[in-house]
Amino acid sequence: MSSLALPEALLFLAPNCAHCPLVLDALARALKEGRLGRLEAINAVTQPREAERQGVRAVPWTRIGPFELSGALSPEEVRRWIQRATEGTGWSDYCAHLIENRQLDRLL
């Protein structure tokens, strides 16, 4: 295990979301492998106030370290975002992700 602090992850999901189980599985695998320090999963349908407080507009919504990511993430993308969060890198990639996903308000 690395001497770097492990990032934490937060996932908002919904019961009928086709992409949510894939993201949850990738995050759970990373937790089991020791690449995440903590994982919290919240059902946005049963916890709408918490989802609203976090600014969640669609699921899956994932925060890995400082990076807030909306939409489906492949296991490889989850792995890369965890690596970036662990190393404290990836800010230009994050800005590009926000632009690509039309989230300029978060960028500003």
PDB file of N, CA and C in Angstrom:
ATOM      1  N   MET A   1       0.833  -1.173   0.000  1.00  0.00           N
ATOM      2  CA  MET A   1       0.000   0.000   0.000  1.00  0.00           C
ATOM      3  C   MET A   1       0.881   1.240   0.000  1.00  0.00           C
ATOM      4  N   SER A   2       0.438   2.286  -0.638  1.00  0.00           N
ATOM      5  CA  SER A   2       1.180   3.535  -0.784  1.00  0.00           C
ATOM      6  C   SER A   2       1.183   4.315   0.513  1.00  0.00           C
ATOM      7  N   SER A   3       2.196   5.182   0.684  1.00  0.00           N
ATOM      8  CA  SER A   3       2.235   6.058   1.844  1.00  0.00           C
ATOM      9  C   SER A   3       1.360   7.288   1.622  1.00  0.00           C
ATOM     10  N   LEU A   4       0.849   7.477   0.409  1.00  0.00           N
ATOM     11  CA  LEU A   4      -0.045   8.587   0.124  1.00  0.00           C
ATOM     12  C   LEU A   4      -1.400   8.333   0.771  1.00  0.00           C
ATOM     13  N   ALA A   5      -2.086   9.409   1.162  1.00  0.00           N
ATOM     14  CA  ALA A   5      -3.427   9.271   1.726  1.00  0.00           C
ATOM     15  C   ALA A   5      -4.369   8.725   0.663  1.00  0.00           C
ATOM     16  N   LEU A   6      -5.197   7.807   1.065  1.00  0.00           N
ATOM     17  CA  LEU A   6      -6.152   7.223   0.128  1.00  0.00           C
ATOM     18  C   LEU A   6      -7.364   8.128   0.011  1.00  0.00           C
ATOM     19  N   PRO A   7      -7.858   8.326  -1.209  1.00  0.00           N
ATOM     20  CA  PRO A   7      -9.046   9.168  -1.380  1.00  0.00           C
ATOM     21  C   PRO A   7     -10.297   8.457  -0.873  1.00  0.00           C
ATOM     22  N   GLU A   8     -11.311   9.269  -0.587  1.00  0.00           N
ATOM     23  CA  GLU A   8     -12.625   8.755  -0.235  1.00  0.00           C
ATOM     24  C   GLU A   8     -13.541   8.927  -1.429  1.00  0.00           C
ATOM     25  N   ALA A   9     -14.580   8.113  -1.490  1.00  0.00           N
ATOM     26  CA  ALA A   9     -15.532   8.194  -2.598  1.00  0.00           C
ATOM     27  C   ALA A   9     -16.953   8.254  -2.057  1.00  0.00           C
ATOM     28  N   LEU A  10     -17.773   9.009  -2.763  1.00  0.00           N
ATOM     29  CA  LEU A  10     -19.192   9.136  -2.467  1.00  0.00           C
ATOM     30  C   LEU A  10     -19.937   8.880  -3.768  1.00  0.00           C
ATOM     31  N   LEU A  11     -20.953   8.028  -3.713  1.00  0.00           N
ATOM     32  CA  LEU A  11     -21.735   7.699  -4.899  1.00  0.00           C
ATOM     33  C   LEU A  11     -23.207   7.885  -4.596  1.00  0.00           C
ATOM     34  N   PHE A  12     -23.889   8.654  -5.442  1.00  0.00           N
ATOM     35  CA  PHE A  12     -25.347   8.725  -5.415  1.00  0.00           C
ATOM     36  C   PHE A  12     -25.849   7.863  -6.558  1.00  0.00           C
ATOM     37  N   LEU A  13     -26.814   7.002  -6.243  1.00  0.00           N
ATOM     38  CA  LEU A  13     -27.357   6.091  -7.238  1.00  0.00           C
ATOM     39  C   LEU A  13     -28.867   6.013  -7.083  1.00  0.00           C
ATOM     40  N   ALA A  14     -29.498   5.321  -8.006  1.00  0.00           N
ATOM     41  CA  ALA A  14     -30.948   5.117  -7.960  1.00  0.00           C
ATOM     42  C   ALA A  14     -31.253   3.669  -8.326  1.00  0.00           C
ATOM     43  N   PRO A  15     -32.341   3.118  -7.781  1.00  0.00           N
ATOM     44  CA  PRO A  15     -32.654   1.702  -8.001  1.00  0.00           C
ATOM     45  C   PRO A  15     -32.803   1.291  -9.465  1.00  0.00           C
ATOM     46  N   ASN A  16     -33.366   2.125 -10.305  1.00  0.00           N
ATOM     47  CA  ASN A  16     -33.613   1.724 -11.691  1.00  0.00           C
ATOM     48  C   ASN A  16     -32.557   2.215 -12.674  1.00  0.00           C
ATOM     49  N   CYS A  17     -31.465   2.704 -12.166  1.00  0.00           N
ATOM     50  CA  CYS A  17     -30.383   3.218 -13.015  1.00  0.00           C
ATOM     51  C   CYS A  17     -29.563   2.050 -13.573  1.00  0.00           C
ATOM     52  N   ALA A  18     -29.417   2.014 -14.889  1.00  0.00           N
ATOM     53  CA  ALA A  18     -28.665   0.928 -15.528  1.00  0.00           C
ATOM     54  C   ALA A  18     -27.161   1.040 -15.302  1.00  0.00           C
ATOM     55  N   HIS A  19     -26.659   2.271 -15.133  1.00  0.00           N
ATOM     56  CA  HIS A  19     -25.208   2.484 -14.995  1.00  0.00           C
ATOM     57  C   HIS A  19     -24.731   2.442 -13.548  1.00  0.00           C
ATOM     58  N   CYS A  20     -25.631   2.686 -12.612  1.00  0.00           N
ATOM     59  CA  CYS A  20     -25.244   2.774 -11.202  1.00  0.00           C
ATOM     60  C   CYS A  20     -24.559   1.512 -10.665  1.00  0.00           C
ATOM     61  N   PRO A  21     -25.075   0.302 -10.940  1.00  0.00           N
ATOM     62  CA  PRO A  21     -24.408  -0.892 -10.412  1.00  0.00           C
ATOM     63  C   PRO A  21     -22.977  -1.051 -10.909  1.00  0.00           C
ATOM     64  N   LEU A  22     -22.712  -0.624 -12.139  1.00  0.00           N
ATOM     65  CA  LEU A  22     -21.357  -0.754 -12.687  1.00  0.00           C
ATOM     66  C   LEU A  22     -20.387   0.161 -11.959  1.00  0.00           C
ATOM     67  N   VAL A  23     -20.821   1.393 -11.683  1.00  0.00           N
ATOM     68  CA  VAL A  23     -19.965   2.335 -10.970  1.00  0.00           C
ATOM     69  C   VAL A  23     -19.777   1.861  -9.531  1.00  0.00           C
ATOM     70  N   LEU A  24     -20.862   1.427  -8.889  1.00  0.00           N
ATOM     71  CA  LEU A  24     -20.770   0.919  -7.518  1.00  0.00           C
ATOM     72  C   LEU A  24     -19.811  -0.264  -7.440  1.00  0.00           C
ATOM     73  N   ASP A  25     -19.912  -1.178  -8.386  1.00  0.00           N
ATOM     74  CA  ASP A  25     -19.036  -2.353  -8.401  1.00  0.00           C
ATOM     75  C   ASP A  25     -17.568  -1.941  -8.545  1.00  0.00           C
ATOM     76  N   ALA A  26     -17.284  -0.996  -9.437  1.00  0.00           N
ATOM     77  CA  ALA A  26     -15.897  -0.552  -9.636  1.00  0.00           C
ATOM     78  C   ALA A  26     -15.358   0.120  -8.378  1.00  0.00           C
ATOM     79  N   LEU A  27     -16.185   0.929  -7.722  1.00  0.00           N
ATOM     80  CA  LEU A  27     -15.756   1.596  -6.490  1.00  0.00           C
ATOM     81  C   LEU A  27     -15.574   0.589  -5.354  1.00  0.00           C
ATOM     82  N   ALA A  28     -16.490  -0.363  -5.229  1.00  0.00           N
ATOM     83  CA  ALA A  28     -16.381  -1.387  -4.184  1.00  0.00           C
ATOM     84  C   ALA A  28     -15.124  -2.232  -4.384  1.00  0.00           C
ATOM     85  N   ARG A  29     -14.832  -2.542  -5.622  1.00  0.00           N
ATOM     86  CA  ARG A  29     -13.613  -3.311  -5.925  1.00  0.00           C
ATOM     87  C   ARG A  29     -12.379  -2.528  -5.507  1.00  0.00           C
ATOM     88  N   ALA A  30     -12.367  -1.226  -5.812  1.00  0.00           N
ATOM     89  CA  ALA A  30     -11.224  -0.384  -5.427  1.00  0.00           C
ATOM     90  C   ALA A  30     -11.081  -0.311  -3.910  1.00  0.00           C
ATOM     91  N   LEU A  31     -12.194  -0.267  -3.197  1.00  0.00           N
ATOM     92  CA  LEU A  31     -12.164  -0.257  -1.732  1.00  0.00           C
ATOM     93  C   LEU A  31     -11.564  -1.560  -1.208  1.00  0.00           C
ATOM     94  N   LYS A  32     -12.038  -2.686  -1.748  1.00  0.00           N
ATOM     95  CA  LYS A  32     -11.539  -3.996  -1.321  1.00  0.00           C
ATOM     96  C   LYS A  32     -10.051  -4.166  -1.622  1.00  0.00           C
ATOM     97  N   GLU A  33      -9.607  -3.547  -2.721  1.00  0.00           N
ATOM     98  CA  GLU A  33      -8.200  -3.654  -3.116  1.00  0.00           C
ATOM     99  C   GLU A  33      -7.304  -2.670  -2.371  1.00  0.00           C
ATOM    100  N   GLY A  34      -7.897  -1.831  -1.534  1.00  0.00           N
ATOM    101  CA  GLY A  34      -7.100  -0.894  -0.752  1.00  0.00           C
ATOM    102  C   GLY A  34      -6.711   0.375  -1.487  1.00  0.00           C
ATOM    103  N   ARG A  35      -7.440   0.707  -2.559  1.00  0.00           N
ATOM    104  CA  ARG A  35      -7.129   1.930  -3.307  1.00  0.00           C
ATOM    105  C   ARG A  35      -8.011   3.100  -2.888  1.00  0.00           C
ATOM    106  N   LEU A  36      -9.059   2.827  -2.109  1.00  0.00           N
ATOM    107  CA  LEU A  36      -9.907   3.862  -1.524  1.00  0.00           C
ATOM    108  C   LEU A  36      -9.869   3.714  -0.009  1.00  0.00           C
ATOM    109  N   GLY A  37      -9.926   4.842   0.692  1.00  0.00           N
ATOM    110  CA  GLY A  37      -9.966   4.807   2.138  1.00  0.00           C
ATOM    111  C   GLY A  37     -11.375   4.616   2.682  1.00  0.00           C
ATOM    112  N   ARG A  38     -12.347   5.062   1.910  1.00  0.00           N
ATOM    113  CA  ARG A  38     -13.743   4.983   2.342  1.00  0.00           C
ATOM    114  C   ARG A  38     -14.651   5.090   1.128  1.00  0.00           C
ATOM    115  N   LEU A  39     -15.794   4.401   1.191  1.00  0.00           N
ATOM    116  CA  LEU A  39     -16.810   4.480   0.153  1.00  0.00           C
ATOM    117  C   LEU A  39     -18.167   4.617   0.817  1.00  0.00           C
ATOM    118  N   GLU A  40     -18.914   5.649   0.416  1.00  0.00           N
ATOM    119  CA  GLU A  40     -20.275   5.831   0.887  1.00  0.00           C
ATOM    120  C   GLU A  40     -21.187   5.851  -0.332  1.00  0.00           C
ATOM    121  N   ALA A  41     -22.243   5.051  -0.288  1.00  0.00           N
ATOM    122  CA  ALA A  41     -23.226   5.004  -1.374  1.00  0.00           C
ATOM    123  C   ALA A  41     -24.569   5.441  -0.811  1.00  0.00           C
ATOM    124  N   ILE A  42     -25.237   6.369  -1.513  1.00  0.00           N
ATOM    125  CA  ILE A  42     -26.503   6.925  -1.054  1.00  0.00           C
ATOM    126  C   ILE A  42     -27.540   6.783  -2.165  1.00  0.00           C
ATOM    127  N   ASN A  43     -28.714   6.297  -1.800  1.00  0.00           N
ATOM    128  CA  ASN A  43     -29.823   6.186  -2.729  1.00  0.00           C
ATOM    129  C   ASN A  43     -30.457   7.568  -2.873  1.00  0.00           C
ATOM    130  N   ALA A  44     -30.324   8.174  -4.033  1.00  0.00           N
ATOM    131  CA  ALA A  44     -30.834   9.527  -4.274  1.00  0.00           C
ATOM    132  C   ALA A  44     -32.361   9.583  -4.241  1.00  0.00           C
ATOM    133  N   VAL A  45     -33.020   8.465  -4.475  1.00  0.00           N
ATOM    134  CA  VAL A  45     -34.479   8.433  -4.459  1.00  0.00           C
ATOM    135  C   VAL A  45     -34.991   8.514  -3.016  1.00  0.00           C
ATOM    136  N   THR A  46     -34.375   7.791  -2.110  1.00  0.00           N
ATOM    137  CA  THR A  46     -34.824   7.788  -0.717  1.00  0.00           C
ATOM    138  C   THR A  46     -34.193   8.896   0.119  1.00  0.00           C
ATOM    139  N   GLN A  47     -33.149   9.518  -0.411  1.00  0.00           N
ATOM    140  CA  GLN A  47     -32.456  10.601   0.291  1.00  0.00           C
ATOM    141  C   GLN A  47     -32.366  11.843  -0.600  1.00  0.00           C
ATOM    142  N   PRO A  48     -33.490  12.357  -1.085  1.00  0.00           N
ATOM    143  CA  PRO A  48     -33.446  13.474  -2.040  1.00  0.00           C
ATOM    144  C   PRO A  48     -32.854  14.763  -1.464  1.00  0.00           C
ATOM    145  N   ARG A  49     -33.045  15.012  -0.185  1.00  0.00           N
ATOM    146  CA  ARG A  49     -32.480  16.230   0.411  1.00  0.00           C
ATOM    147  C   ARG A  49     -30.958  16.193   0.412  1.00  0.00           C
ATOM    148  N   GLU A  50     -30.415  15.023   0.712  1.00  0.00           N
ATOM    149  CA  GLU A  50     -28.957  14.882   0.704  1.00  0.00           C
ATOM    150  C   GLU A  50     -28.420  15.030  -0.716  1.00  0.00           C
ATOM    151  N   ALA A  51     -29.129  14.460  -1.675  1.00  0.00           N
ATOM    152  CA  ALA A  51     -28.726  14.603  -3.078  1.00  0.00           C
ATOM    153  C   ALA A  51     -28.755  16.072  -3.484  1.00  0.00           C
ATOM    154  N   GLU A  52     -29.793  16.771  -3.111  1.00  0.00           N
ATOM    155  CA  GLU A  52     -29.906  18.192  -3.442  1.00  0.00           C
ATOM    156  C   GLU A  52     -28.804  18.999  -2.759  1.00  0.00           C
ATOM    157  N   ARG A  53     -28.514  18.676  -1.502  1.00  0.00           N
ATOM    158  CA  ARG A  53     -27.457  19.376  -0.764  1.00  0.00           C
ATOM    159  C   ARG A  53     -26.095  19.235  -1.448  1.00  0.00           C
ATOM    160  N   GLN A  54     -25.872  18.080  -2.058  1.00  0.00           N
ATOM    161  CA  GLN A  54     -24.601  17.820  -2.748  1.00  0.00           C
ATOM    162  C   GLN A  54     -24.599  18.342  -4.184  1.00  0.00           C
ATOM    163  N   GLY A  55     -25.742  18.817  -4.670  1.00  0.00           N
ATOM    164  CA  GLY A  55     -25.817  19.324  -6.037  1.00  0.00           C
ATOM    165  C   GLY A  55     -25.997  18.242  -7.082  1.00  0.00           C
ATOM    166  N   VAL A  56     -26.503  17.090  -6.679  1.00  0.00           N
ATOM    167  CA  VAL A  56     -26.704  15.971  -7.597  1.00  0.00           C
ATOM    168  C   VAL A  56     -27.915  16.260  -8.469  1.00  0.00           C
ATOM    169  N   ARG A  57     -27.702  16.201  -9.783  1.00  0.00           N
ATOM    170  CA  ARG A  57     -28.788  16.424 -10.739  1.00  0.00           C
ATOM    171  C   ARG A  57     -29.161  15.165 -11.499  1.00  0.00           C
ATOM    172  N   ALA A  58     -28.246  14.226 -11.551  1.00  0.00           N
ATOM    173  CA  ALA A  58     -28.468  12.965 -12.266  1.00  0.00           C
ATOM    174  C   ALA A  58     -27.584  11.896 -11.635  1.00  0.00           C
ATOM    175  N   VAL A  59     -28.003  10.657 -11.791  1.00  0.00           N
ATOM    176  CA  VAL A  59     -27.211   9.543 -11.278  1.00  0.00           C
ATOM    177  C   VAL A  59     -26.725   8.686 -12.435  1.00  0.00           C
ATOM    178  N   PRO A  60     -25.638   7.987 -12.286  1.00  0.00           N
ATOM    179  CA  PRO A  60     -24.779   8.002 -11.112  1.00  0.00           C
ATOM    180  C   PRO A  60     -24.005   9.320 -10.994  1.00  0.00           C
ATOM    181  N   TRP A  61     -23.810   9.733  -9.770  1.00  0.00           N
ATOM    182  CA  TRP A  61     -23.019  10.923  -9.435  1.00  0.00           C
ATOM    183  C   TRP A  61     -21.962  10.445  -8.464  1.00  0.00           C
ATOM    184  N   THR A  62     -20.717  10.723  -8.783  1.00  0.00           N
ATOM    185  CA  THR A  62     -19.604  10.178  -8.015  1.00  0.00           C
ATOM    186  C   THR A  62     -18.642  11.284  -7.623  1.00  0.00           C
ATOM    187  N   ARG A  63     -18.208  11.258  -6.376  1.00  0.00           N
ATOM    188  CA  ARG A  63     -17.097  12.116  -5.966  1.00  0.00           C
ATOM    189  C   ARG A  63     -15.971  11.198  -5.530  1.00  0.00           C
ATOM    190  N   ILE A  64     -14.830  11.369  -6.168  1.00  0.00           N
ATOM    191  CA  ILE A  64     -13.627  10.620  -5.821  1.00  0.00           C
ATOM    192  C   ILE A  64     -12.593  11.663  -5.422  1.00  0.00           C
ATOM    193  N   GLY A  65     -12.263  11.699  -4.138  1.00  0.00           N
ATOM    194  CA  GLY A  65     -11.396  12.772  -3.658  1.00  0.00           C
ATOM    195  C   GLY A  65     -12.072  14.097  -3.961  1.00  0.00           C
ATOM    196  N   PRO A  66     -11.382  15.020  -4.630  1.00  0.00           N
ATOM    197  CA  PRO A  66     -11.974  16.325  -4.923  1.00  0.00           C
ATOM    198  C   PRO A  66     -12.793  16.361  -6.214  1.00  0.00           C
ATOM    199  N   PHE A  67     -12.804  15.272  -6.959  1.00  0.00           N
ATOM    200  CA  PHE A  67     -13.414  15.271  -8.286  1.00  0.00           C
ATOM    201  C   PHE A  67     -14.872  14.818  -8.241  1.00  0.00           C
ATOM    202  N   GLU A  68     -15.795  15.679  -8.689  1.00  0.00           N
ATOM    203  CA  GLU A  68     -17.209  15.354  -8.783  1.00  0.00           C
ATOM    204  C   GLU A  68     -17.528  15.017 -10.233  1.00  0.00           C
ATOM    205  N   LEU A  69     -18.028  13.807 -10.443  1.00  0.00           N
ATOM    206  CA  LEU A  69     -18.218  13.271 -11.791  1.00  0.00           C
ATOM    207  C   LEU A  69     -19.650  12.804 -11.968  1.00  0.00           C
ATOM    208  N   SER A  70     -20.292  13.262 -13.019  1.00  0.00           N
ATOM    209  CA  SER A  70     -21.667  12.849 -13.311  1.00  0.00           C
ATOM    210  C   SER A  70     -21.673  11.886 -14.479  1.00  0.00           C
ATOM    211  N   GLY A  71     -22.578  10.920 -14.415  1.00  0.00           N
ATOM    212  CA  GLY A  71     -22.743   9.992 -15.513  1.00  0.00           C
ATOM    213  C   GLY A  71     -22.005   8.690 -15.297  1.00  0.00           C
ATOM    214  N   ALA A  72     -22.173   7.818 -16.274  1.00  0.00           N
ATOM    215  CA  ALA A  72     -21.558   6.493 -16.221  1.00  0.00           C
ATOM    216  C   ALA A  72     -20.045   6.604 -16.291  1.00  0.00           C
ATOM    217  N   LEU A  73     -19.389   5.792 -15.492  1.00  0.00           N
ATOM    218  CA  LEU A  73     -17.930   5.685 -15.518  1.00  0.00           C
ATOM    219  C   LEU A  73     -17.580   4.216 -15.694  1.00  0.00           C
ATOM    220  N   SER A  74     -16.669   3.943 -16.599  1.00  0.00           N
ATOM    221  CA  SER A  74     -16.211   2.572 -16.761  1.00  0.00           C
ATOM    222  C   SER A  74     -15.274   2.222 -15.602  1.00  0.00           C
ATOM    223  N   PRO A  75     -15.041   0.937 -15.356  1.00  0.00           N
ATOM    224  CA  PRO A  75     -14.080   0.568 -14.317  1.00  0.00           C
ATOM    225  C   PRO A  75     -12.709   1.212 -14.538  1.00  0.00           C
ATOM    226  N   GLU A  76     -12.294   1.336 -15.782  1.00  0.00           N
ATOM    227  CA  GLU A  76     -11.004   1.974 -16.093  1.00  0.00           C
ATOM    228  C   GLU A  76     -11.037   3.453 -15.733  1.00  0.00           C
ATOM    229  N   GLU A  77     -12.140   4.127 -16.024  1.00  0.00           N
ATOM    230  CA  GLU A  77     -12.253   5.545 -15.666  1.00  0.00           C
ATOM    231  C   GLU A  77     -12.241   5.720 -14.153  1.00  0.00           C
ATOM    232  N   VAL A  78     -12.933   4.853 -13.427  1.00  0.00           N
ATOM    233  CA  VAL A  78     -12.915   4.911 -11.964  1.00  0.00           C
ATOM    234  C   VAL A  78     -11.485   4.754 -11.466  1.00  0.00           C
ATOM    235  N   ARG A  79     -10.770   3.775 -12.005  1.00  0.00           N
ATOM    236  CA  ARG A  79      -9.381   3.540 -11.601  1.00  0.00           C
ATOM    237  C   ARG A  79      -8.519   4.781 -11.846  1.00  0.00           C
ATOM    238  N   ARG A  80      -8.690   5.409 -13.027  1.00  0.00           N
ATOM    239  CA  ARG A  80      -7.887   6.603 -13.350  1.00  0.00           C
ATOM    240  C   ARG A  80      -8.213   7.771 -12.425  1.00  0.00           C
ATOM    241  N   TRP A  81      -9.504   7.987 -12.116  1.00  0.00           N
ATOM    242  CA  TRP A  81      -9.862   9.090 -11.217  1.00  0.00           C
ATOM    243  C   TRP A  81      -9.347   8.838  -9.809  1.00  0.00           C
ATOM    244  N   ILE A  82      -9.357   7.587  -9.367  1.00  0.00           N
ATOM    245  CA  ILE A  82      -8.789   7.263  -8.051  1.00  0.00           C
ATOM    246  C   ILE A  82      -7.294   7.553  -8.052  1.00  0.00           C
ATOM    247  N   GLN A  83      -6.620   7.169  -9.105  1.00  0.00           N
ATOM    248  CA  GLN A  83      -5.172   7.426  -9.205  1.00  0.00           C
ATOM    249  C   GLN A  83      -4.886   8.922  -9.183  1.00  0.00           C
ATOM    250  N   ARG A  84      -5.643   9.702  -9.930  1.00  0.00           N
ATOM    251  CA  ARG A  84      -5.463  11.155  -9.949  1.00  0.00           C
ATOM    252  C   ARG A  84      -5.698  11.753  -8.566  1.00  0.00           C
ATOM    253  N   ALA A  85      -6.751  11.288  -7.890  1.00  0.00           N
ATOM    254  CA  ALA A  85      -7.048  11.801  -6.556  1.00  0.00           C
ATOM    255  C   ALA A  85      -5.950  11.423  -5.565  1.00  0.00           C
ATOM    256  N   THR A  86      -5.423  10.227  -5.691  1.00  0.00           N
ATOM    257  CA  THR A  86      -4.355   9.772  -4.805  1.00  0.00           C
ATOM    258  C   THR A  86      -3.088  10.606  -5.001  1.00  0.00           C
ATOM    259  N   GLU A  87      -2.768  10.896  -6.247  1.00  0.00           N
ATOM    260  CA  GLU A  87      -1.544  11.629  -6.574  1.00  0.00           C
ATOM    261  C   GLU A  87      -1.710  13.144  -6.510  1.00  0.00           C
ATOM    262  N   GLY A  88      -2.961  13.615  -6.441  1.00  0.00           N
ATOM    263  CA  GLY A  88      -3.193  15.060  -6.450  1.00  0.00           C
ATOM    264  C   GLY A  88      -2.989  15.670  -7.823  1.00  0.00           C
ATOM    265  N   THR A  89      -3.188  14.878  -8.849  1.00  0.00           N
ATOM    266  CA  THR A  89      -3.027  15.340 -10.231  1.00  0.00           C
ATOM    267  C   THR A  89      -4.377  15.288 -10.934  1.00  0.00           C
ATOM    268  N   GLY A  90      -4.399  15.596 -12.201  1.00  0.00           N
ATOM    269  CA  GLY A  90      -5.590  15.400 -13.006  1.00  0.00           C
ATOM    270  C   GLY A  90      -6.509  16.586 -13.098  1.00  0.00           C
ATOM    271  N   TRP A  91      -6.060  17.746 -12.652  1.00  0.00           N
ATOM    272  CA  TRP A  91      -6.950  18.906 -12.681  1.00  0.00           C
ATOM    273  C   TRP A  91      -7.292  19.340 -14.098  1.00  0.00           C
ATOM    274  N   SER A  92      -6.358  19.249 -15.024  1.00  0.00           N
ATOM    275  CA  SER A  92      -6.687  19.610 -16.405  1.00  0.00           C
ATOM    276  C   SER A  92      -7.669  18.601 -16.996  1.00  0.00           C
ATOM    277  N   ASP A  93      -7.522  17.319 -16.655  1.00  0.00           N
ATOM    278  CA  ASP A  93      -8.478  16.297 -17.095  1.00  0.00           C
ATOM    279  C   ASP A  93      -9.857  16.558 -16.501  1.00  0.00           C
ATOM    280  N   TYR A  94      -9.887  16.983 -15.245  1.00  0.00           N
ATOM    281  CA  TYR A  94     -11.163  17.274 -14.592  1.00  0.00           C
ATOM    282  C   TYR A  94     -11.858  18.462 -15.256  1.00  0.00           C
ATOM    283  N   CYS A  95     -11.097  19.498 -15.561  1.00  0.00           N
ATOM    284  CA  CYS A  95     -11.676  20.658 -16.257  1.00  0.00           C
ATOM    285  C   CYS A  95     -12.234  20.236 -17.609  1.00  0.00           C
ATOM    286  N   ALA A  96     -11.511  19.399 -18.330  1.00  0.00           N
ATOM    287  CA  ALA A  96     -11.986  18.902 -19.631  1.00  0.00           C
ATOM    288  C   ALA A  96     -13.265  18.078 -19.450  1.00  0.00           C
ATOM    289  N   HIS A  97     -13.312  17.253 -18.411  1.00  0.00           N
ATOM    290  CA  HIS A  97     -14.508  16.451 -18.127  1.00  0.00           C
ATOM    291  C   HIS A  97     -15.714  17.362 -17.887  1.00  0.00           C
ATOM    292  N   LEU A  98     -15.526  18.416 -17.115  1.00  0.00           N
ATOM    293  CA  LEU A  98     -16.628  19.336 -16.836  1.00  0.00           C
ATOM    294  C   LEU A  98     -17.106  20.038 -18.104  1.00  0.00           C
ATOM    295  N   ILE A  99     -16.176  20.434 -18.937  1.00  0.00           N
ATOM    296  CA  ILE A  99     -16.538  21.093 -20.200  1.00  0.00           C
ATOM    297  C   ILE A  99     -17.294  20.125 -21.101  1.00  0.00           C
ATOM    298  N   GLU A 100     -16.771  18.901 -21.234  1.00  0.00           N
ATOM    299  CA  GLU A 100     -17.414  17.890 -22.085  1.00  0.00           C
ATOM    300  C   GLU A 100     -18.826  17.558 -21.618  1.00  0.00           C
ATOM    301  N   ASN A 101     -19.056  17.641 -20.317  1.00  0.00           N
ATOM    302  CA  ASN A 101     -20.353  17.292 -19.753  1.00  0.00           C
ATOM    303  C   ASN A 101     -21.213  18.516 -19.458  1.00  0.00           C
ATOM    304  N   ARG A 102     -20.813  19.643 -20.071  1.00  0.00           N
ATOM    305  CA  ARG A 102     -21.573  20.893 -19.978  1.00  0.00           C
ATOM    306  C   ARG A 102     -21.854  21.310 -18.536  1.00  0.00           C
ATOM    307  N   GLN A 103     -20.814  21.226 -17.725  1.00  0.00           N
ATOM    308  CA  GLN A 103     -20.926  21.620 -16.339  1.00  0.00           C
ATOM    309  C   GLN A 103     -20.026  22.805 -16.038  1.00  0.00           C
ATOM    310  N   LEU A 104     -20.181  23.846 -16.854  1.00  0.00           N
ATOM    311  CA  LEU A 104     -19.346  25.020 -16.708  1.00  0.00           C
ATOM    312  C   LEU A 104     -19.545  25.717 -15.373  1.00  0.00           C
ATOM    313  N   ASP A 105     -20.742  25.620 -14.787  1.00  0.00           N
ATOM    314  CA  ASP A 105     -20.976  26.223 -13.476  1.00  0.00           C
ATOM    315  C   ASP A 105     -20.057  25.630 -12.422  1.00  0.00           C
ATOM    316  N   ARG A 106     -19.811  24.327 -12.486  1.00  0.00           N
ATOM    317  CA  ARG A 106     -18.875  23.682 -11.532  1.00  0.00           C
ATOM    318  C   ARG A 106     -17.443  24.127 -11.818  1.00  0.00           C
ATOM    319  N   LEU A 107     -17.117  24.321 -13.061  1.00  0.00           N
ATOM    320  CA  LEU A 107     -15.772  24.748 -13.432  1.00  0.00           C
ATOM    321  C   LEU A 107     -15.463  26.122 -12.873  1.00  0.00           C
ATOM    322  N   LEU A 108     -16.436  27.023 -12.966  1.00  0.00           N
ATOM    323  CA  LEU A 108     -16.255  28.372 -12.463  1.00  0.00           C
ATOM    324  C   LEU A 108     -16.229  28.375 -10.955  1.00  0.00           C
TER     325      LEU A 108
END
